Amino acid sequence: MKIQSVNIAEKREITFNGRTRYTGIYKTSVDTSIYLGKEDVKNDAVVDRKYHGGENMAVYAFGKNNYGYFEELYPNLDFTNGMFGENLTIDNLDETKIKIGDTFKINNTIIQVSQPRLPCATLGYRFGSQKIVKQFLNTTFSGIYFRVLQEGSVKKGDELILIKTTKSCLTLAEVYSLFTYNKTNTKLLKKALHLDLLSSRLKSDIRKKLK
C-alpha cells in the first residue's frame, strides 16, 4: 500500500439544518510531509476529542480505491483526497484483509491498526446529507484508525510496510460488521472483546451490545 496524499484541516465553522458547528473534517492534501504524533497529526484540527484523536484514533486512513463507490452515489460532489476526513489517502486498502493490531512501518514511523471508523453525523455534514452515514455502514469501506507506536513524518508516495500481524485476529471488516449485520452475533462479539489491540472505545461499545 502506498500513500496517495497526506491531508490536514483547519477548524471550520459550518451551518447544517440551521445549527452552527465546528469541525475538522474538511481536509485537503498538502505537498509537504505531515507529522504523526501519539495523540494526533501535527497541525491538523481535531475538534471533538471524544470521537477523534487520542491514543487509539491518532491517524485516520481511507482507501482511494473505495472512492469510486461513493462517487457514483454523489456525482455532483467534488471528490478530492481527504473527502472522508482522512489524514492518509491510501491505494489498495482492503479492510477484509487488514487485521486489528497489524503494524506498519512508514520510513521511521510505526503505526498500528486499532479500529475501523464508525461514521457519525459529521460525515453527513461533509456530504450535505445524513444518508451517507447508512450508506457508509452498508459497505466494508470503514477505513482505518491507527495508534502511533513511533512518531515521525510521512508524505505522498511513502509505502506502508507490514512488519507484524496476528493470524488469529479479526479483520477490520469483521469488527465493523458487529455494528451492522453482525450486531447480535454473540460469538463474534465475545471474540472481538478479547482482542488485546482493539481500541478501548470499541470494546466499551461491544460490552454494551453483549448486555
N, C-alpha and C. Protein backbone atom coordinates (compact mmCIF):
# COMPACT_ATOMS: atom_id res chain seq x y z
N MET A 1 0.85 -1.19 0.00
CA MET A 1 0.00 0.00 0.00
C MET A 1 0.89 1.24 0.00
N LYS A 2 0.48 2.22 -0.77
CA LYS A 2 1.21 3.48 -0.84
C LYS A 2 0.30 4.66 -0.49
N ILE A 3 0.91 5.69 0.04
CA ILE A 3 0.17 6.91 0.36
C ILE A 3 -0.02 7.74 -0.90
N GLN A 4 -1.28 7.99 -1.25
CA GLN A 4 -1.60 8.80 -2.41
C GLN A 4 -1.57 10.29 -2.09
N SER A 5 -1.94 10.62 -0.85
CA SER A 5 -1.84 12.02 -0.40
C SER A 5 -1.90 12.06 1.11
N VAL A 6 -1.32 13.12 1.68
CA VAL A 6 -1.42 13.37 3.12
C VAL A 6 -2.29 14.62 3.28
N ASN A 7 -3.21 14.57 4.28
CA ASN A 7 -4.25 15.60 4.35
C ASN A 7 -4.44 16.11 5.78
N ILE A 8 -4.59 17.42 5.89
CA ILE A 8 -4.88 18.04 7.18
C ILE A 8 -5.94 19.12 6.98
N ALA A 9 -6.45 19.64 8.09
CA ALA A 9 -7.51 20.66 8.01
C ALA A 9 -7.35 21.68 9.11
N GLU A 10 -7.90 22.86 8.84
CA GLU A 10 -8.07 23.86 9.89
C GLU A 10 -9.49 23.72 10.44
N LYS A 11 -9.69 24.20 11.64
CA LYS A 11 -11.02 24.20 12.24
C LYS A 11 -11.96 25.06 11.40
N ARG A 12 -13.13 24.51 11.07
CA ARG A 12 -14.06 25.24 10.22
C ARG A 12 -15.44 25.34 10.88
N GLU A 13 -16.06 26.52 10.75
CA GLU A 13 -17.43 26.70 11.23
C GLU A 13 -18.39 26.42 10.08
N ILE A 14 -19.39 25.57 10.34
CA ILE A 14 -20.38 25.26 9.32
C ILE A 14 -21.78 25.41 9.90
N THR A 15 -22.75 25.56 9.02
CA THR A 15 -24.15 25.60 9.42
C THR A 15 -24.88 24.48 8.70
N PHE A 16 -25.55 23.63 9.46
CA PHE A 16 -26.27 22.49 8.90
C PHE A 16 -27.63 22.41 9.60
N ASN A 17 -28.68 22.45 8.78
CA ASN A 17 -30.05 22.43 9.33
C ASN A 17 -30.27 23.53 10.37
N GLY A 18 -29.69 24.69 10.10
CA GLY A 18 -29.91 25.84 10.97
C GLY A 18 -29.05 25.88 12.23
N ARG A 19 -28.18 24.90 12.39
CA ARG A 19 -27.33 24.87 13.58
C ARG A 19 -25.86 25.07 13.20
N THR A 20 -25.16 25.83 14.02
CA THR A 20 -23.74 26.10 13.78
C THR A 20 -22.89 25.09 14.52
N ARG A 21 -21.90 24.56 13.82
CA ARG A 21 -20.99 23.58 14.40
C ARG A 21 -19.57 23.87 13.95
N TYR A 22 -18.63 23.23 14.62
CA TYR A 22 -17.22 23.33 14.23
C TYR A 22 -16.70 21.93 13.92
N THR A 23 -15.87 21.83 12.93
CA THR A 23 -15.39 20.52 12.51
C THR A 23 -14.00 20.61 11.89
N GLY A 24 -13.32 19.47 11.88
CA GLY A 24 -12.02 19.38 11.21
C GLY A 24 -12.06 18.36 10.09
N ILE A 25 -13.26 18.06 9.60
CA ILE A 25 -13.38 17.02 8.57
C ILE A 25 -13.01 17.50 7.17
N TYR A 26 -12.96 18.81 6.97
CA TYR A 26 -12.68 19.34 5.63
C TYR A 26 -11.17 19.34 5.35
N LYS A 27 -10.63 18.16 5.18
CA LYS A 27 -9.20 18.03 4.99
C LYS A 27 -8.81 18.21 3.52
N THR A 28 -7.65 18.80 3.31
CA THR A 28 -7.11 18.98 1.96
C THR A 28 -5.68 18.45 1.93
N SER A 29 -5.25 18.01 0.78
CA SER A 29 -3.91 17.45 0.65
C SER A 29 -2.87 18.56 0.69
N VAL A 30 -1.70 18.22 1.20
CA VAL A 30 -0.58 19.15 1.27
C VAL A 30 0.63 18.52 0.58
N ASP A 31 1.48 19.35 0.03
CA ASP A 31 2.65 18.86 -0.71
C ASP A 31 3.82 18.49 0.20
N THR A 32 3.77 18.98 1.42
CA THR A 32 4.84 18.68 2.37
C THR A 32 4.51 17.40 3.14
N SER A 33 5.43 16.96 3.97
CA SER A 33 5.16 15.81 4.84
C SER A 33 4.30 16.26 6.03
N ILE A 34 3.65 15.30 6.67
CA ILE A 34 2.91 15.59 7.90
C ILE A 34 3.50 14.73 9.01
N TYR A 35 3.36 15.20 10.24
CA TYR A 35 3.97 14.52 11.38
C TYR A 35 2.91 13.77 12.16
N LEU A 36 3.08 12.46 12.27
CA LEU A 36 2.14 11.63 13.01
C LEU A 36 2.57 11.55 14.46
N GLY A 37 1.79 12.18 15.33
CA GLY A 37 2.10 12.18 16.75
C GLY A 37 1.29 11.14 17.50
N LYS A 38 1.57 10.97 18.77
CA LYS A 38 0.90 9.95 19.57
C LYS A 38 -0.59 10.20 19.75
N GLU A 39 -0.98 11.48 19.76
CA GLU A 39 -2.38 11.83 20.02
C GLU A 39 -3.11 12.32 18.78
N ASP A 40 -2.37 12.82 17.80
CA ASP A 40 -3.00 13.34 16.59
C ASP A 40 -1.92 13.69 15.57
N VAL A 41 -2.36 14.20 14.45
CA VAL A 41 -1.44 14.66 13.41
C VAL A 41 -1.14 16.13 13.64
N LYS A 42 0.13 16.48 13.65
CA LYS A 42 0.52 17.86 13.93
C LYS A 42 -0.10 18.82 12.92
N ASN A 43 -0.64 19.92 13.43
CA ASN A 43 -1.27 20.99 12.62
C ASN A 43 -2.60 20.58 12.00
N ASP A 44 -3.17 19.47 12.44
CA ASP A 44 -4.47 19.04 11.95
C ASP A 44 -5.52 19.31 13.02
N ALA A 45 -6.63 19.95 12.63
CA ALA A 45 -7.68 20.29 13.59
C ALA A 45 -8.42 19.04 14.05
N VAL A 46 -8.47 18.86 15.36
CA VAL A 46 -9.30 17.81 15.97
C VAL A 46 -10.24 18.52 16.93
N VAL A 47 -11.52 18.58 16.56
CA VAL A 47 -12.48 19.38 17.31
C VAL A 47 -13.12 18.59 18.44
N ASP A 48 -13.66 17.44 18.13
CA ASP A 48 -14.36 16.63 19.13
C ASP A 48 -13.47 15.46 19.54
N ARG A 49 -12.72 15.64 20.61
CA ARG A 49 -11.76 14.61 21.01
C ARG A 49 -12.39 13.41 21.71
N LYS A 50 -13.68 13.44 21.88
CA LYS A 50 -14.37 12.26 22.40
C LYS A 50 -14.39 11.17 21.33
N TYR A 51 -14.47 11.57 20.07
CA TYR A 51 -14.61 10.62 18.97
C TYR A 51 -13.47 10.68 17.97
N HIS A 52 -12.55 11.61 18.13
CA HIS A 52 -11.44 11.74 17.19
C HIS A 52 -10.17 12.07 17.96
N GLY A 53 -9.05 11.63 17.45
CA GLY A 53 -7.80 11.91 18.12
C GLY A 53 -7.61 11.03 19.35
N GLY A 54 -6.50 11.22 20.02
CA GLY A 54 -6.19 10.39 21.17
C GLY A 54 -5.36 9.19 20.77
N GLU A 55 -4.94 8.42 21.75
CA GLU A 55 -4.01 7.31 21.53
C GLU A 55 -4.51 6.32 20.49
N ASN A 56 -5.79 5.96 20.53
CA ASN A 56 -6.31 4.92 19.65
C ASN A 56 -6.87 5.43 18.33
N MET A 57 -6.98 6.73 18.18
CA MET A 57 -7.50 7.31 16.95
C MET A 57 -6.65 8.49 16.52
N ALA A 58 -5.34 8.30 16.57
CA ALA A 58 -4.41 9.39 16.29
C ALA A 58 -4.36 9.74 14.81
N VAL A 59 -4.53 8.72 13.95
CA VAL A 59 -4.41 8.91 12.50
C VAL A 59 -5.52 8.12 11.81
N TYR A 60 -6.17 8.75 10.81
CA TYR A 60 -7.20 8.06 10.06
C TYR A 60 -6.78 7.92 8.61
N ALA A 61 -6.97 6.71 8.07
CA ALA A 61 -6.63 6.44 6.67
C ALA A 61 -7.86 5.90 5.94
N PHE A 62 -7.96 6.25 4.66
CA PHE A 62 -9.08 5.75 3.84
C PHE A 62 -8.54 5.35 2.47
N GLY A 63 -9.18 4.37 1.86
CA GLY A 63 -8.71 3.83 0.60
C GLY A 63 -9.15 4.64 -0.61
N LYS A 64 -8.19 5.08 -1.40
CA LYS A 64 -8.50 5.76 -2.67
C LYS A 64 -9.28 4.83 -3.58
N ASN A 65 -9.02 3.54 -3.49
CA ASN A 65 -9.70 2.55 -4.31
C ASN A 65 -11.19 2.43 -3.98
N ASN A 66 -11.61 2.98 -2.84
CA ASN A 66 -13.02 2.92 -2.45
C ASN A 66 -13.79 4.21 -2.75
N TYR A 67 -13.10 5.20 -3.28
CA TYR A 67 -13.75 6.46 -3.63
C TYR A 67 -14.84 6.27 -4.68
N GLY A 68 -14.56 5.42 -5.67
CA GLY A 68 -15.47 5.27 -6.81
C GLY A 68 -16.88 4.89 -6.41
N TYR A 69 -17.01 4.05 -5.40
CA TYR A 69 -18.33 3.61 -4.94
C TYR A 69 -19.18 4.81 -4.52
N PHE A 70 -18.58 5.72 -3.78
CA PHE A 70 -19.31 6.88 -3.27
C PHE A 70 -19.47 7.97 -4.34
N GLU A 71 -18.54 8.03 -5.26
CA GLU A 71 -18.65 8.99 -6.37
C GLU A 71 -19.89 8.70 -7.21
N GLU A 72 -20.23 7.43 -7.34
CA GLU A 72 -21.44 7.07 -8.08
C GLU A 72 -22.70 7.49 -7.33
N LEU A 73 -22.64 7.45 -6.01
CA LEU A 73 -23.79 7.85 -5.20
C LEU A 73 -23.94 9.37 -5.15
N TYR A 74 -22.83 10.10 -5.24
CA TYR A 74 -22.84 11.56 -5.14
C TYR A 74 -22.07 12.17 -6.31
N PRO A 75 -22.61 12.05 -7.52
CA PRO A 75 -21.89 12.51 -8.71
C PRO A 75 -21.68 14.02 -8.78
N ASN A 76 -22.43 14.79 -7.99
CA ASN A 76 -22.31 16.25 -8.04
C ASN A 76 -21.29 16.80 -7.05
N LEU A 77 -20.70 15.95 -6.26
CA LEU A 77 -19.70 16.40 -5.30
C LEU A 77 -18.30 16.31 -5.89
N ASP A 78 -17.42 17.16 -5.42
CA ASP A 78 -16.03 17.18 -5.86
C ASP A 78 -15.21 16.31 -4.93
N PHE A 79 -14.85 15.12 -5.37
CA PHE A 79 -14.15 14.16 -4.54
C PHE A 79 -12.63 14.36 -4.62
N THR A 80 -12.15 15.30 -3.84
CA THR A 80 -10.70 15.48 -3.72
C THR A 80 -10.20 14.62 -2.57
N ASN A 81 -8.92 14.29 -2.57
CA ASN A 81 -8.35 13.49 -1.49
C ASN A 81 -8.56 14.18 -0.15
N GLY A 82 -8.94 13.39 0.83
CA GLY A 82 -9.29 13.93 2.14
C GLY A 82 -10.79 14.06 2.31
N MET A 83 -11.56 13.67 1.30
CA MET A 83 -13.01 13.82 1.31
C MET A 83 -13.67 13.16 2.52
N PHE A 84 -13.09 12.08 2.99
CA PHE A 84 -13.69 11.34 4.11
C PHE A 84 -13.08 11.74 5.46
N GLY A 85 -12.32 12.82 5.43
CA GLY A 85 -11.71 13.30 6.66
C GLY A 85 -10.45 12.56 7.03
N GLU A 86 -9.89 11.83 6.04
CA GLU A 86 -8.71 11.03 6.33
C GLU A 86 -7.42 11.83 6.26
N ASN A 87 -6.48 11.47 7.10
CA ASN A 87 -5.15 12.06 7.06
C ASN A 87 -4.30 11.44 5.97
N LEU A 88 -4.54 10.13 5.74
CA LEU A 88 -3.79 9.40 4.73
C LEU A 88 -4.75 8.81 3.72
N THR A 89 -4.61 9.19 2.47
CA THR A 89 -5.36 8.56 1.39
C THR A 89 -4.44 7.50 0.79
N ILE A 90 -4.88 6.24 0.86
CA ILE A 90 -4.00 5.11 0.53
C ILE A 90 -4.58 4.30 -0.62
N ASP A 91 -3.72 3.81 -1.51
CA ASP A 91 -4.20 2.95 -2.58
C ASP A 91 -4.26 1.49 -2.10
N ASN A 92 -5.11 0.71 -2.73
CA ASN A 92 -5.22 -0.73 -2.47
C ASN A 92 -5.45 -1.08 -1.00
N LEU A 93 -6.28 -0.30 -0.33
CA LEU A 93 -6.62 -0.58 1.06
C LEU A 93 -7.80 -1.55 1.07
N ASP A 94 -7.65 -2.67 1.75
CA ASP A 94 -8.69 -3.70 1.79
C ASP A 94 -9.00 -4.08 3.23
N GLU A 95 -10.12 -3.59 3.73
CA GLU A 95 -10.50 -3.84 5.12
C GLU A 95 -10.82 -5.30 5.41
N THR A 96 -11.07 -6.10 4.37
CA THR A 96 -11.37 -7.52 4.58
C THR A 96 -10.09 -8.34 4.79
N LYS A 97 -8.94 -7.73 4.61
CA LYS A 97 -7.67 -8.43 4.77
C LYS A 97 -6.81 -7.86 5.91
N ILE A 98 -6.99 -6.58 6.20
CA ILE A 98 -6.19 -5.95 7.25
C ILE A 98 -6.80 -6.27 8.62
N LYS A 99 -5.94 -6.63 9.57
CA LYS A 99 -6.42 -7.09 10.88
C LYS A 99 -6.14 -6.07 11.99
N ILE A 100 -6.97 -6.16 13.01
CA ILE A 100 -6.73 -5.37 14.21
C ILE A 100 -5.34 -5.74 14.75
N GLY A 101 -4.53 -4.74 15.01
CA GLY A 101 -3.19 -4.98 15.53
C GLY A 101 -2.11 -5.07 14.47
N ASP A 102 -2.51 -5.14 13.19
CA ASP A 102 -1.49 -5.13 12.14
C ASP A 102 -0.63 -3.88 12.31
N THR A 103 0.67 -4.07 12.20
CA THR A 103 1.60 -2.98 12.45
C THR A 103 2.40 -2.68 11.18
N PHE A 104 2.44 -1.40 10.82
CA PHE A 104 3.09 -0.98 9.58
C PHE A 104 4.21 0.01 9.88
N LYS A 105 5.23 -0.05 9.05
CA LYS A 105 6.31 0.94 9.12
C LYS A 105 6.24 1.82 7.89
N ILE A 106 6.34 3.13 8.11
CA ILE A 106 6.42 4.10 7.02
C ILE A 106 7.67 4.93 7.28
N ASN A 107 8.72 4.65 6.54
CA ASN A 107 10.01 5.26 6.85
C ASN A 107 10.39 4.91 8.28
N ASN A 108 10.54 5.92 9.13
CA ASN A 108 10.87 5.66 10.54
C ASN A 108 9.65 5.69 11.45
N THR A 109 8.48 5.86 10.87
CA THR A 109 7.24 5.92 11.64
C THR A 109 6.61 4.53 11.73
N ILE A 110 6.10 4.19 12.90
CA ILE A 110 5.43 2.89 13.08
C ILE A 110 4.01 3.12 13.59
N ILE A 111 3.04 2.57 12.86
CA ILE A 111 1.64 2.73 13.22
C ILE A 111 0.96 1.37 13.31
N GLN A 112 -0.10 1.30 14.13
CA GLN A 112 -0.76 0.03 14.39
C GLN A 112 -2.28 0.19 14.27
N VAL A 113 -2.92 -0.76 13.60
CA VAL A 113 -4.38 -0.73 13.40
C VAL A 113 -5.08 -0.90 14.74
N SER A 114 -5.94 0.05 15.10
CA SER A 114 -6.63 -0.01 16.38
C SER A 114 -8.14 -0.25 16.25
N GLN A 115 -8.75 0.24 15.17
CA GLN A 115 -10.20 0.05 14.99
C GLN A 115 -10.65 0.56 13.63
N PRO A 116 -11.84 0.09 13.18
CA PRO A 116 -12.45 0.71 12.00
C PRO A 116 -13.10 2.02 12.39
N ARG A 117 -13.41 2.84 11.41
CA ARG A 117 -14.10 4.11 11.66
C ARG A 117 -15.61 3.89 11.63
N LEU A 118 -16.29 4.34 12.66
CA LEU A 118 -17.74 4.29 12.70
C LEU A 118 -18.25 5.68 12.31
N PRO A 119 -19.02 5.78 11.23
CA PRO A 119 -19.43 7.10 10.74
C PRO A 119 -20.42 7.78 11.69
N CYS A 120 -20.34 9.10 11.73
CA CYS A 120 -21.25 9.89 12.55
C CYS A 120 -21.82 11.03 11.72
N ALA A 121 -22.58 11.89 12.35
CA ALA A 121 -23.25 12.98 11.65
C ALA A 121 -22.28 13.91 10.94
N THR A 122 -21.04 14.00 11.44
CA THR A 122 -20.05 14.88 10.82
C THR A 122 -19.81 14.51 9.37
N LEU A 123 -19.81 13.21 9.06
CA LEU A 123 -19.64 12.78 7.68
C LEU A 123 -20.82 13.27 6.83
N GLY A 124 -21.99 13.31 7.45
CA GLY A 124 -23.17 13.84 6.77
C GLY A 124 -23.04 15.30 6.44
N TYR A 125 -22.40 16.07 7.33
CA TYR A 125 -22.18 17.48 7.06
C TYR A 125 -21.30 17.64 5.82
N ARG A 126 -20.28 16.81 5.75
CA ARG A 126 -19.33 16.90 4.62
C ARG A 126 -20.00 16.57 3.30
N PHE A 127 -20.93 15.62 3.32
CA PHE A 127 -21.60 15.19 2.10
C PHE A 127 -22.91 15.94 1.85
N GLY A 128 -23.32 16.76 2.80
CA GLY A 128 -24.56 17.51 2.63
C GLY A 128 -25.80 16.66 2.78
N SER A 129 -25.65 15.47 3.34
CA SER A 129 -26.79 14.56 3.52
C SER A 129 -26.44 13.52 4.56
N GLN A 130 -27.35 13.30 5.50
CA GLN A 130 -27.11 12.28 6.51
C GLN A 130 -27.32 10.87 5.96
N LYS A 131 -27.78 10.75 4.73
CA LYS A 131 -27.93 9.43 4.12
C LYS A 131 -26.59 8.71 4.01
N ILE A 132 -25.52 9.49 3.91
CA ILE A 132 -24.20 8.92 3.73
C ILE A 132 -23.81 8.03 4.90
N VAL A 133 -24.33 8.31 6.10
CA VAL A 133 -23.96 7.53 7.27
C VAL A 133 -24.38 6.07 7.10
N LYS A 134 -25.63 5.85 6.70
CA LYS A 134 -26.12 4.49 6.47
C LYS A 134 -25.44 3.87 5.26
N GLN A 135 -25.23 4.66 4.22
CA GLN A 135 -24.57 4.15 3.01
C GLN A 135 -23.15 3.71 3.32
N PHE A 136 -22.48 4.46 4.17
CA PHE A 136 -21.12 4.13 4.59
C PHE A 136 -21.12 2.82 5.39
N LEU A 137 -22.09 2.67 6.28
CA LEU A 137 -22.19 1.47 7.10
C LEU A 137 -22.53 0.23 6.29
N ASN A 138 -23.18 0.43 5.15
CA ASN A 138 -23.58 -0.70 4.32
C ASN A 138 -22.45 -1.23 3.44
N THR A 139 -21.24 -0.77 3.67
CA THR A 139 -20.06 -1.25 2.93
C THR A 139 -19.07 -1.84 3.94
N THR A 140 -17.97 -2.33 3.41
CA THR A 140 -16.85 -2.72 4.29
C THR A 140 -15.79 -1.63 4.31
N PHE A 141 -16.09 -0.49 3.69
CA PHE A 141 -15.09 0.58 3.50
C PHE A 141 -15.02 1.50 4.71
N SER A 142 -14.62 0.96 5.84
CA SER A 142 -14.57 1.73 7.07
C SER A 142 -13.37 2.65 7.16
N GLY A 143 -12.32 2.30 6.44
CA GLY A 143 -11.06 2.99 6.66
C GLY A 143 -10.43 2.49 7.95
N ILE A 144 -9.30 3.06 8.31
CA ILE A 144 -8.54 2.56 9.47
C ILE A 144 -8.16 3.70 10.41
N TYR A 145 -8.42 3.47 11.69
CA TYR A 145 -7.81 4.33 12.71
C TYR A 145 -6.54 3.63 13.21
N PHE A 146 -5.47 4.40 13.28
CA PHE A 146 -4.18 3.89 13.75
C PHE A 146 -3.80 4.53 15.08
N ARG A 147 -3.11 3.75 15.90
CA ARG A 147 -2.34 4.32 17.01
C ARG A 147 -0.90 4.44 16.52
N VAL A 148 -0.20 5.42 17.04
CA VAL A 148 1.18 5.68 16.61
C VAL A 148 2.14 5.13 17.65
N LEU A 149 2.89 4.11 17.27
CA LEU A 149 3.85 3.50 18.19
C LEU A 149 5.18 4.24 18.17
N GLN A 150 5.52 4.78 17.01
CA GLN A 150 6.75 5.56 16.87
C GLN A 150 6.46 6.76 15.99
N GLU A 151 6.56 7.94 16.56
CA GLU A 151 6.22 9.16 15.84
C GLU A 151 7.18 9.42 14.69
N GLY A 152 6.67 10.16 13.70
CA GLY A 152 7.53 10.52 12.59
C GLY A 152 6.76 11.16 11.46
N SER A 153 7.48 11.57 10.43
CA SER A 153 6.88 12.26 9.29
C SER A 153 6.63 11.30 8.14
N VAL A 154 5.52 11.52 7.44
CA VAL A 154 5.19 10.72 6.25
C VAL A 154 4.75 11.67 5.15
N LYS A 155 4.82 11.20 3.90
CA LYS A 155 4.47 12.06 2.77
C LYS A 155 3.89 11.23 1.64
N LYS A 156 3.39 11.92 0.65
CA LYS A 156 2.86 11.27 -0.55
C LYS A 156 3.94 10.39 -1.18
N GLY A 157 3.53 9.18 -1.57
CA GLY A 157 4.46 8.26 -2.22
C GLY A 157 5.11 7.27 -1.27
N ASP A 158 5.03 7.53 0.04
CA ASP A 158 5.61 6.61 1.01
C ASP A 158 4.83 5.30 1.03
N GLU A 159 5.52 4.21 1.29
CA GLU A 159 4.90 2.89 1.31
C GLU A 159 4.67 2.41 2.74
N LEU A 160 3.52 1.76 2.96
CA LEU A 160 3.23 1.13 4.24
C LEU A 160 3.74 -0.31 4.16
N ILE A 161 4.68 -0.64 5.01
CA ILE A 161 5.27 -1.98 5.01
C ILE A 161 4.79 -2.73 6.25
N LEU A 162 4.10 -3.85 6.03
CA LEU A 162 3.59 -4.65 7.15
C LEU A 162 4.76 -5.32 7.86
N ILE A 163 4.90 -5.05 9.16
CA ILE A 163 6.02 -5.64 9.91
C ILE A 163 5.55 -6.61 10.98
N LYS A 164 4.23 -6.62 11.28
CA LYS A 164 3.72 -7.55 12.28
C LYS A 164 2.24 -7.78 12.07
N THR A 165 1.80 -9.04 12.18
CA THR A 165 0.38 -9.37 12.08
C THR A 165 0.09 -10.55 13.00
N THR A 166 -1.20 -10.80 13.27
CA THR A 166 -1.62 -11.92 14.11
C THR A 166 -2.63 -12.75 13.35
N LYS A 167 -2.32 -14.02 13.12
CA LYS A 167 -3.18 -14.87 12.30
C LYS A 167 -4.58 -15.05 12.88
N SER A 168 -4.69 -15.15 14.18
CA SER A 168 -5.97 -15.44 14.82
C SER A 168 -6.85 -14.22 15.03
N CYS A 169 -6.35 -13.04 14.67
CA CYS A 169 -7.06 -11.80 14.92
C CYS A 169 -8.19 -11.57 13.91
N LEU A 170 -9.16 -10.74 14.28
CA LEU A 170 -10.25 -10.39 13.38
C LEU A 170 -9.81 -9.28 12.43
N THR A 171 -10.40 -9.28 11.25
CA THR A 171 -10.12 -8.20 10.30
C THR A 171 -10.93 -6.96 10.66
N LEU A 172 -10.55 -5.85 10.06
CA LEU A 172 -11.32 -4.62 10.24
C LEU A 172 -12.77 -4.82 9.84
N ALA A 173 -12.99 -5.50 8.71
CA ALA A 173 -14.35 -5.71 8.21
C ALA A 173 -15.17 -6.55 9.18
N GLU A 174 -14.55 -7.54 9.81
CA GLU A 174 -15.27 -8.38 10.77
C GLU A 174 -15.69 -7.57 12.00
N VAL A 175 -14.80 -6.74 12.50
CA VAL A 175 -15.14 -5.90 13.65
C VAL A 175 -16.20 -4.88 13.25
N TYR A 176 -16.06 -4.32 12.07
CA TYR A 176 -17.04 -3.34 11.57
C TYR A 176 -18.43 -3.96 11.46
N SER A 177 -18.48 -5.23 11.08
CA SER A 177 -19.77 -5.91 10.91
C SER A 177 -20.54 -6.04 12.22
N LEU A 178 -19.86 -5.93 13.35
CA LEU A 178 -20.53 -6.01 14.64
C LEU A 178 -21.44 -4.81 14.89
N PHE A 179 -21.27 -3.78 14.07
CA PHE A 179 -22.10 -2.58 14.19
C PHE A 179 -23.09 -2.49 13.02
N THR A 180 -23.12 -3.54 12.21
CA THR A 180 -24.06 -3.59 11.08
C THR A 180 -24.83 -4.91 11.11
N TYR A 181 -24.46 -5.86 10.26
CA TYR A 181 -25.25 -7.09 10.14
C TYR A 181 -24.91 -8.15 11.18
N ASN A 182 -23.86 -7.97 11.97
CA ASN A 182 -23.50 -8.95 12.99
C ASN A 182 -23.73 -8.42 14.41
N LYS A 183 -24.65 -7.51 14.56
CA LYS A 183 -24.89 -6.88 15.86
C LYS A 183 -25.24 -7.88 16.96
N THR A 184 -25.87 -8.98 16.60
CA THR A 184 -26.31 -9.96 17.60
C THR A 184 -25.49 -11.25 17.56
N ASN A 185 -24.37 -11.23 16.88
CA ASN A 185 -23.51 -12.41 16.79
C ASN A 185 -22.67 -12.49 18.06
N THR A 186 -23.21 -13.17 19.07
CA THR A 186 -22.57 -13.23 20.38
C THR A 186 -21.16 -13.80 20.32
N LYS A 187 -20.97 -14.84 19.54
CA LYS A 187 -19.66 -15.47 19.43
C LYS A 187 -18.61 -14.51 18.91
N LEU A 188 -18.98 -13.76 17.86
CA LEU A 188 -18.04 -12.81 17.27
C LEU A 188 -17.83 -11.61 18.19
N LEU A 189 -18.89 -11.18 18.86
CA LEU A 189 -18.78 -10.06 19.81
C LEU A 189 -17.79 -10.40 20.93
N LYS A 190 -17.90 -11.62 21.45
CA LYS A 190 -17.01 -12.04 22.54
C LYS A 190 -15.57 -12.16 22.06
N LYS A 191 -15.41 -12.64 20.84
CA LYS A 191 -14.06 -12.76 20.30
C LYS A 191 -13.41 -11.38 20.14
N ALA A 192 -14.21 -10.42 19.65
CA ALA A 192 -13.69 -9.06 19.49
C ALA A 192 -13.33 -8.44 20.83
N LEU A 193 -14.13 -8.74 21.83
CA LEU A 193 -13.90 -8.17 23.16
C LEU A 193 -12.57 -8.61 23.75
N HIS A 194 -12.08 -9.75 23.30
CA HIS A 194 -10.82 -10.28 23.84
C HIS A 194 -9.61 -9.95 22.98
N LEU A 195 -9.80 -9.07 22.01
CA LEU A 195 -8.66 -8.63 21.20
C LEU A 195 -7.85 -7.61 21.98
N ASP A 196 -6.63 -7.94 22.32
CA ASP A 196 -5.80 -7.06 23.13
C ASP A 196 -5.59 -5.69 22.48
N LEU A 197 -5.50 -5.66 21.15
CA LEU A 197 -5.12 -4.43 20.47
C LEU A 197 -6.30 -3.66 19.88
N LEU A 198 -7.52 -4.11 20.14
CA LEU A 198 -8.70 -3.34 19.73
C LEU A 198 -8.85 -2.15 20.67
N SER A 199 -9.24 -1.00 20.15
CA SER A 199 -9.34 0.20 20.97
C SER A 199 -10.32 0.03 22.13
N SER A 200 -10.04 0.69 23.22
CA SER A 200 -10.89 0.62 24.42
C SER A 200 -12.28 1.17 24.15
N ARG A 201 -12.38 2.14 23.26
CA ARG A 201 -13.69 2.72 22.95
C ARG A 201 -14.60 1.68 22.32
N LEU A 202 -14.10 0.93 21.33
CA LEU A 202 -14.93 -0.07 20.69
C LEU A 202 -15.23 -1.23 21.62
N LYS A 203 -14.30 -1.57 22.49
CA LYS A 203 -14.57 -2.61 23.46
C LYS A 203 -15.73 -2.21 24.37
N SER A 204 -15.78 -0.95 24.74
CA SER A 204 -16.87 -0.44 25.57
C SER A 204 -18.20 -0.58 24.83
N ASP A 205 -18.21 -0.23 23.55
CA ASP A 205 -19.43 -0.36 22.75
C ASP A 205 -19.86 -1.82 22.62
N ILE A 206 -18.90 -2.70 22.49
CA ILE A 206 -19.18 -4.14 22.35
C ILE A 206 -19.75 -4.70 23.66
N ARG A 207 -19.22 -4.26 24.79
CA ARG A 207 -19.75 -4.71 26.09
C ARG A 207 -21.22 -4.34 26.22
N LYS A 208 -21.59 -3.17 25.74
CA LYS A 208 -22.99 -2.73 25.80
C LYS A 208 -23.87 -3.64 24.97
N LYS A 209 -23.36 -4.09 23.82
CA LYS A 209 -24.13 -4.98 22.96
C LYS A 209 -24.34 -6.34 23.62
N LEU A 210 -23.34 -6.82 24.33
CA LEU A 210 -23.45 -8.11 25.00
C LEU A 210 -24.41 -8.08 26.18
N LYS A 211 -24.61 -6.90 26.75
CA LYS A 211 -25.57 -6.77 27.85
C LYS A 211 -27.01 -6.81 27.36
